[in-house]
C-alpha cells in the first residue's frame, strides 16, 4: 500500500516493483495479462494491461509473481 494515492494516467506505461527481505515467500499464479473493470454506476470501463518488465525479475512474470492485486478508484 502506498502512503498516498498515486495518479495513474491513461496510455502511460508504469512499472511496479518490490524488494522483499527475509526467507523465501509465497507467490501468486495464474495472473492475467489484461483486466477490464466496468463501473456499476456509470458504466465507465477501466482496463489494466500487464507486460513483462525488462531486467532480472527473480523468476517472476505476469502470470507468476509477488504483486497479487491492484486496488484503484476512479
N, C-alpha and C. Protein backbone atom coordinates (compact mmCIF):
# COMPACT_ATOMS: atom_id res chain seq x y z
N UNK A 1 0.85 -1.18 0.00
CA UNK A 1 0.00 0.00 0.00
C UNK A 1 0.89 1.24 0.00
N UNK A 2 0.49 2.22 -0.76
CA UNK A 2 1.18 3.50 -0.78
C UNK A 2 0.65 4.38 0.35
N UNK A 3 1.48 5.27 0.86
CA UNK A 3 1.03 6.19 1.90
C UNK A 3 -0.01 7.15 1.37
N UNK A 4 0.13 7.55 0.12
CA UNK A 4 -0.81 8.46 -0.54
C UNK A 4 -1.23 7.83 -1.87
N UNK A 5 -2.43 8.14 -2.36
CA UNK A 5 -2.84 7.62 -3.68
C UNK A 5 -1.88 8.09 -4.77
N UNK A 6 -1.73 7.27 -5.79
CA UNK A 6 -0.86 7.58 -6.93
C UNK A 6 -1.74 7.72 -8.16
N UNK A 7 -1.64 8.85 -8.84
CA UNK A 7 -2.43 9.05 -10.05
C UNK A 7 -1.83 8.24 -11.19
N UNK A 8 -2.67 7.48 -11.85
CA UNK A 8 -2.25 6.68 -13.00
C UNK A 8 -2.97 7.24 -14.22
N UNK A 9 -2.20 7.69 -15.19
CA UNK A 9 -2.77 8.30 -16.38
C UNK A 9 -2.99 7.27 -17.48
N UNK A 10 -4.00 7.48 -18.32
CA UNK A 10 -4.25 6.54 -19.42
C UNK A 10 -3.13 6.57 -20.45
N UNK A 11 -2.87 5.42 -21.05
CA UNK A 11 -1.89 5.26 -22.14
C UNK A 11 -0.47 5.62 -21.73
N UNK A 12 -0.15 5.41 -20.46
CA UNK A 12 1.20 5.61 -19.94
C UNK A 12 1.63 4.29 -19.31
N UNK A 13 2.85 3.82 -19.61
CA UNK A 13 3.36 2.58 -19.01
C UNK A 13 3.98 2.88 -17.65
N UNK A 14 3.69 2.03 -16.70
CA UNK A 14 4.25 2.13 -15.35
C UNK A 14 4.87 0.78 -14.99
N UNK A 15 5.89 0.79 -14.16
CA UNK A 15 6.50 -0.44 -13.66
C UNK A 15 6.33 -0.49 -12.15
N UNK A 16 5.76 -1.57 -11.66
CA UNK A 16 5.63 -1.79 -10.22
C UNK A 16 6.67 -2.81 -9.81
N UNK A 17 7.41 -2.51 -8.75
CA UNK A 17 8.40 -3.46 -8.26
C UNK A 17 8.44 -3.42 -6.74
N UNK A 18 8.94 -4.48 -6.16
CA UNK A 18 9.04 -4.58 -4.71
C UNK A 18 10.33 -5.29 -4.36
N UNK A 19 10.93 -4.87 -3.26
CA UNK A 19 12.12 -5.54 -2.73
C UNK A 19 11.69 -6.31 -1.49
N UNK A 20 11.82 -7.62 -1.54
CA UNK A 20 11.42 -8.46 -0.42
C UNK A 20 12.66 -8.89 0.35
N UNK A 21 12.58 -8.83 1.67
CA UNK A 21 13.69 -9.25 2.51
C UNK A 21 13.20 -10.36 3.43
N UNK A 22 14.06 -11.31 3.70
CA UNK A 22 13.69 -12.39 4.60
C UNK A 22 13.71 -13.73 3.89
N UNK A 23 13.06 -14.72 4.48
CA UNK A 23 13.06 -16.06 3.89
C UNK A 23 12.25 -16.09 2.60
N UNK A 24 12.36 -17.19 1.87
CA UNK A 24 11.58 -17.36 0.65
C UNK A 24 10.10 -17.11 0.96
N UNK A 25 9.40 -16.52 0.00
CA UNK A 25 8.00 -16.18 0.22
C UNK A 25 7.12 -16.91 -0.78
N UNK A 26 5.83 -16.89 -0.52
CA UNK A 26 4.86 -17.48 -1.44
C UNK A 26 4.64 -16.53 -2.60
N UNK A 27 4.06 -17.02 -3.67
CA UNK A 27 3.79 -16.17 -4.83
C UNK A 27 2.48 -16.61 -5.46
N UNK A 28 1.87 -15.69 -6.19
CA UNK A 28 0.62 -15.99 -6.86
C UNK A 28 0.85 -16.63 -8.21
N UNK A 29 -0.16 -17.34 -8.71
CA UNK A 29 -0.10 -17.96 -10.04
C UNK A 29 -1.37 -17.60 -10.80
N UNK A 30 -1.35 -17.88 -12.08
CA UNK A 30 -2.49 -17.65 -12.96
C UNK A 30 -2.85 -16.18 -13.06
N UNK A 31 -1.83 -15.30 -13.04
CA UNK A 31 -2.08 -13.88 -13.23
C UNK A 31 -2.63 -13.60 -14.62
N UNK A 32 -3.34 -12.51 -14.74
CA UNK A 32 -3.99 -12.16 -16.00
C UNK A 32 -3.23 -11.02 -16.69
N UNK A 33 -3.08 -11.11 -18.01
CA UNK A 33 -2.39 -10.07 -18.78
C UNK A 33 -3.24 -8.82 -18.94
N UNK A 34 -4.55 -8.99 -18.99
CA UNK A 34 -5.44 -7.85 -19.19
C UNK A 34 -6.65 -8.00 -18.28
N UNK A 35 -6.99 -6.92 -17.57
CA UNK A 35 -8.14 -6.92 -16.68
C UNK A 35 -8.97 -5.68 -16.99
N UNK A 36 -10.26 -5.86 -17.25
CA UNK A 36 -11.15 -4.74 -17.50
C UNK A 36 -12.23 -4.73 -16.43
N UNK A 37 -12.45 -3.55 -15.85
CA UNK A 37 -13.48 -3.38 -14.83
C UNK A 37 -14.50 -2.36 -15.32
N UNK A 38 -15.77 -2.71 -15.24
CA UNK A 38 -16.83 -1.78 -15.62
C UNK A 38 -17.55 -1.31 -14.37
N UNK A 39 -17.60 0.00 -14.18
CA UNK A 39 -18.26 0.58 -13.02
C UNK A 39 -19.76 0.31 -13.09
N UNK A 40 -20.32 -0.17 -12.00
CA UNK A 40 -21.75 -0.49 -11.99
C UNK A 40 -22.60 0.77 -12.04
N UNK A 41 -22.08 1.89 -11.53
CA UNK A 41 -22.86 3.12 -11.52
C UNK A 41 -22.85 3.86 -12.84
N UNK A 42 -21.65 4.16 -13.35
CA UNK A 42 -21.53 4.99 -14.55
C UNK A 42 -21.32 4.18 -15.83
N UNK A 43 -20.95 2.92 -15.70
CA UNK A 43 -20.65 2.11 -16.87
C UNK A 43 -19.28 2.37 -17.44
N UNK A 44 -18.50 3.21 -16.78
CA UNK A 44 -17.14 3.52 -17.22
C UNK A 44 -16.27 2.28 -17.13
N UNK A 45 -15.49 2.04 -18.18
CA UNK A 45 -14.59 0.88 -18.19
C UNK A 45 -13.16 1.34 -17.91
N UNK A 46 -12.48 0.59 -17.04
CA UNK A 46 -11.07 0.81 -16.75
C UNK A 46 -10.34 -0.47 -17.10
N UNK A 47 -9.27 -0.35 -17.89
CA UNK A 47 -8.54 -1.53 -18.36
C UNK A 47 -7.08 -1.43 -17.93
N UNK A 48 -6.58 -2.50 -17.33
CA UNK A 48 -5.16 -2.62 -16.98
C UNK A 48 -4.56 -3.72 -17.85
N UNK A 49 -3.43 -3.43 -18.49
CA UNK A 49 -2.71 -4.42 -19.28
C UNK A 49 -1.35 -4.61 -18.64
N UNK A 50 -0.99 -5.85 -18.34
CA UNK A 50 0.26 -6.17 -17.65
C UNK A 50 1.25 -6.77 -18.64
N UNK A 51 2.49 -6.29 -18.59
CA UNK A 51 3.54 -6.72 -19.52
C UNK A 51 4.76 -7.16 -18.72
N UNK A 52 5.65 -7.85 -19.39
CA UNK A 52 6.91 -8.24 -18.76
C UNK A 52 7.82 -7.02 -18.62
N UNK A 53 8.48 -6.90 -17.49
CA UNK A 53 9.43 -5.81 -17.26
C UNK A 53 10.83 -6.30 -17.64
N UNK A 54 11.60 -5.40 -18.22
CA UNK A 54 12.98 -5.74 -18.59
C UNK A 54 13.82 -5.92 -17.32
N UNK A 55 14.86 -6.71 -17.43
CA UNK A 55 15.79 -6.89 -16.31
C UNK A 55 15.56 -8.20 -15.58
N UNK A 56 16.21 -8.32 -14.44
CA UNK A 56 16.13 -9.53 -13.62
C UNK A 56 14.87 -9.48 -12.78
N UNK A 57 13.94 -10.37 -13.05
CA UNK A 57 12.68 -10.41 -12.31
C UNK A 57 12.64 -11.54 -11.29
N UNK A 58 13.80 -12.14 -11.02
CA UNK A 58 13.93 -13.15 -9.99
C UNK A 58 12.91 -14.29 -10.14
N UNK A 59 12.66 -14.68 -11.38
CA UNK A 59 11.77 -15.82 -11.63
C UNK A 59 10.30 -15.47 -11.66
N UNK A 60 9.95 -14.19 -11.49
CA UNK A 60 8.54 -13.83 -11.55
C UNK A 60 8.17 -13.39 -12.96
N UNK A 61 6.87 -13.32 -13.20
CA UNK A 61 6.37 -12.95 -14.53
C UNK A 61 4.98 -12.34 -14.37
N UNK A 62 4.34 -12.05 -15.48
CA UNK A 62 2.96 -11.58 -15.44
C UNK A 62 2.08 -12.64 -14.79
N UNK A 63 2.31 -13.90 -15.12
CA UNK A 63 1.48 -14.99 -14.63
C UNK A 63 1.83 -15.43 -13.21
N UNK A 64 3.09 -15.38 -12.84
CA UNK A 64 3.54 -15.86 -11.53
C UNK A 64 4.36 -14.77 -10.85
N UNK A 65 3.84 -14.22 -9.75
CA UNK A 65 4.59 -13.13 -9.15
C UNK A 65 4.19 -12.75 -7.74
N UNK A 66 4.74 -11.62 -7.30
CA UNK A 66 4.63 -11.17 -5.93
C UNK A 66 3.60 -10.06 -5.71
N UNK A 67 3.07 -9.46 -6.76
CA UNK A 67 2.09 -8.37 -6.61
C UNK A 67 0.73 -8.95 -6.95
N UNK A 68 -0.09 -9.27 -5.92
CA UNK A 68 -1.30 -10.03 -6.16
C UNK A 68 -2.50 -9.24 -6.70
N UNK A 69 -2.51 -7.91 -6.47
CA UNK A 69 -3.67 -7.16 -6.91
C UNK A 69 -3.34 -5.69 -7.03
N UNK A 70 -4.18 -4.97 -7.79
CA UNK A 70 -4.10 -3.53 -7.90
C UNK A 70 -5.42 -2.99 -7.40
N UNK A 71 -5.38 -2.19 -6.36
CA UNK A 71 -6.59 -1.59 -5.80
C UNK A 71 -6.67 -0.17 -6.36
N UNK A 72 -7.79 0.20 -6.97
CA UNK A 72 -7.89 1.51 -7.59
C UNK A 72 -9.28 2.09 -7.41
N UNK A 73 -9.37 3.38 -7.62
CA UNK A 73 -10.68 4.02 -7.68
C UNK A 73 -10.65 5.08 -8.76
N UNK A 74 -11.82 5.42 -9.30
CA UNK A 74 -11.89 6.41 -10.37
C UNK A 74 -12.69 7.61 -9.92
